Structure formats: C-alpha cells, structure tokens
Amino acid sequence: MISFELKKPVGSLPDELEIYVDKEGVTSLIAQLELLCSNKTDHVHLMNESWGGSHLSPGVHNSENSEINHVKVVLI
C-alpha cells in the first residue's frame, strides 16, 4: 500500500505532501526507485487503478487530505 496525499491547510493552497506506506509499499517504492538508479529508465509513474496503474492505493488515509492519483518521479 502506497498513498500520496496533499495535506489541506486552512485558507491557502496545499503545500505539504504526506506519504502513507506499509512494508509491501516500501518494497514496491524501492523497486521503482532502483529502476531509476539502474538507468533502465529516466522516469517512473506511480498511479492508482482508476488511472490505469497498480502502485498507489485508492482513497485517503487521513480524511482531511486530498488523494493524489498520479506521481511521476523523474531522474535528473
């Protein structure tokens, strides 16, 4: 389980990202980052099922947060 969520501040735009993971999610995230380190790709996409992916869990874990459906990690 991996969930990226934007924390909702009072009266302004979101400026904090919260990441929720279980042990399986940590392993999956590490595998995606290792793809970048191995030079097999220059970016990875993490998406939930509604966006055609399988890495991110649907929904939020903190009811005051907003769900992020797609995370693109780019190696620079």
C-alpha atoms as a PDB file:
ATOM      1  CA  MET A   1       0.000   0.000   0.000  1.00  0.00           C
ATOM      2  CA  ILE A   2       1.319   3.399  -1.042  1.00  0.00           C
ATOM      3  CA  SER A   3      -0.725   6.566  -0.781  1.00  0.00           C
ATOM      4  CA  PHE A   4       0.428  10.096  -1.636  1.00  0.00           C
ATOM      5  CA  GLU A   5      -1.874  12.727  -0.145  1.00  0.00           C
ATOM      6  CA  LEU A   6      -1.927  16.523  -0.082  1.00  0.00           C
ATOM      7  CA  LYS A   7      -2.491  17.939   3.361  1.00  0.00           C
ATOM      8  CA  LYS A   8      -5.228  20.581   3.302  1.00  0.00           C
ATOM      9  CA  PRO A   9      -4.087  23.776   5.012  1.00  0.00           C
ATOM     10  CA  VAL A  10      -6.539  26.282   6.410  1.00  0.00           C
ATOM     11  CA  GLY A  11      -7.186  29.114   3.946  1.00  0.00           C
ATOM     12  CA  SER A  12      -4.372  28.514   1.438  1.00  0.00           C
ATOM     13  CA  LEU A  13      -3.113  26.115  -1.198  1.00  0.00           C
ATOM     14  CA  PRO A  14      -1.784  22.690  -0.176  1.00  0.00           C
ATOM     15  CA  ASP A  15       1.945  22.791   0.438  1.00  0.00           C
ATOM     16  CA  GLU A  16       2.548  19.552   2.311  1.00  0.00           C
ATOM     17  CA  LEU A  17       2.719  16.014   0.977  1.00  0.00           C
ATOM     18  CA  GLU A  18       2.032  13.061   3.250  1.00  0.00           C
ATOM     19  CA  ILE A  19       3.082   9.559   2.157  1.00  0.00           C
ATOM     20  CA  TYR A  20       1.460   6.516   3.738  1.00  0.00           C
ATOM     21  CA  VAL A  21       3.083   3.107   3.183  1.00  0.00           C
ATOM     22  CA  ASP A  22       3.040  -0.378   4.610  1.00  0.00           C
ATOM     23  CA  LYS A  23       6.024  -2.755   4.339  1.00  0.00           C
ATOM     24  CA  GLU A  24       4.870  -4.050   0.950  1.00  0.00           C
ATOM     25  CA  GLY A  25       4.541  -0.456  -0.252  1.00  0.00           C
ATOM     26  CA  VAL A  26       8.083   0.354   0.876  1.00  0.00           C
ATOM     27  CA  THR A  27       9.362  -2.630  -1.111  1.00  0.00           C
ATOM     28  CA  SER A  28       7.410  -1.534  -4.193  1.00  0.00           C
ATOM     29  CA  LEU A  29       8.612   2.065  -3.924  1.00  0.00           C
ATOM     30  CA  ILE A  30      12.227   0.947  -3.525  1.00  0.00           C
ATOM     31  CA  ALA A  31      11.881  -1.269  -6.630  1.00  0.00           C
ATOM     32  CA  GLN A  32      10.642   1.688  -8.670  1.00  0.00           C
ATOM     33  CA  LEU A  33      13.479   3.917  -7.449  1.00  0.00           C
ATOM     34  CA  GLU A  34      16.009   1.167  -8.195  1.00  0.00           C
ATOM     35  CA  LEU A  35      14.779   1.195 -11.821  1.00  0.00           C
ATOM     36  CA  LEU A  36      15.890   4.824 -11.959  1.00  0.00           C
ATOM     37  CA  CYS A  37      19.277   4.048 -10.377  1.00  0.00           C
ATOM     38  CA  SER A  38      19.905   1.228 -12.847  1.00  0.00           C
ATOM     39  CA  ASN A  39      19.494   3.601 -15.811  1.00  0.00           C
ATOM     40  CA  LYS A  40      16.762   1.358 -17.261  1.00  0.00           C
ATOM     41  CA  THR A  41      14.517   4.412 -17.462  1.00  0.00           C
ATOM     42  CA  ASP A  42      14.673   8.122 -16.683  1.00  0.00           C
ATOM     43  CA  HIS A  43      11.262   8.257 -15.012  1.00  0.00           C
ATOM     44  CA  VAL A  44       8.617   6.091 -13.345  1.00  0.00           C
ATOM     45  CA  HIS A  45       4.885   6.593 -12.951  1.00  0.00           C
ATOM     46  CA  LEU A  46       3.025   5.604  -9.812  1.00  0.00           C
ATOM     47  CA  MET A  47      -0.756   5.556 -10.339  1.00  0.00           C
ATOM     48  CA  ASN A  48      -3.806   4.080  -8.716  1.00  0.00           C
ATOM     49  CA  GLU A  49      -6.130   1.647 -10.527  1.00  0.00           C
ATOM     50  CA  SER A  50      -8.577   4.341 -11.636  1.00  0.00           C
ATOM     51  CA  TRP A  51      -5.698   5.942 -13.561  1.00  0.00           C
ATOM     52  CA  GLY A  52      -4.547   2.629 -15.058  1.00  0.00           C
ATOM     53  CA  GLY A  53      -1.828   1.817 -12.550  1.00  0.00           C
ATOM     54  CA  SER A  54      -1.291  -0.543  -9.667  1.00  0.00           C
ATOM     55  CA  HIS A  55       1.247   1.120  -7.373  1.00  0.00           C
ATOM     56  CA  LEU A  56      -0.923   3.603  -5.485  1.00  0.00           C
ATOM     57  CA  SER A  57      -3.759   2.651  -3.192  1.00  0.00           C
ATOM     58  CA  PRO A  58      -7.171   4.231  -3.789  1.00  0.00           C
ATOM     59  CA  GLY A  59      -8.626   6.688  -1.304  1.00  0.00           C
ATOM     60  CA  VAL A  60      -7.061   8.627   1.530  1.00  0.00           C
ATOM     61  CA  HIS A  61      -5.867   7.575   4.965  1.00  0.00           C
ATOM     62  CA  ASN A  62      -6.459  10.974   6.506  1.00  0.00           C
ATOM     63  CA  SER A  63      -9.972  12.217   5.756  1.00  0.00           C
ATOM     64  CA  GLU A  64      -8.748  15.824   5.723  1.00  0.00           C
ATOM     65  CA  ASN A  65      -6.297  15.145   2.867  1.00  0.00           C
ATOM     66  CA  SER A  66      -6.756  15.094  -0.912  1.00  0.00           C
ATOM     67  CA  GLU A  67      -5.840  11.987  -2.883  1.00  0.00           C
ATOM     68  CA  ILE A  68      -3.068  12.138  -5.478  1.00  0.00           C
ATOM     69  CA  ASN A  69      -3.829   9.758  -8.365  1.00  0.00           C
ATOM     70  CA  HIS A  70      -0.551  10.022 -10.275  1.00  0.00           C
ATOM     71  CA  VAL A  71       3.040  10.584  -9.160  1.00  0.00           C
ATOM     72  CA  LYS A  72       5.819  10.876 -11.740  1.00  0.00           C
ATOM     73  CA  VAL A  73       9.381  10.525 -10.436  1.00  0.00           C
ATOM     74  CA  VAL A  74      11.996  11.894 -12.886  1.00  0.00           C
ATOM     75  CA  LEU A  75      15.734  11.253 -12.727  1.00  0.00           C
ATOM     76  CA  ILE A  76      17.704  14.414 -13.480  1.00  0.00           C
END
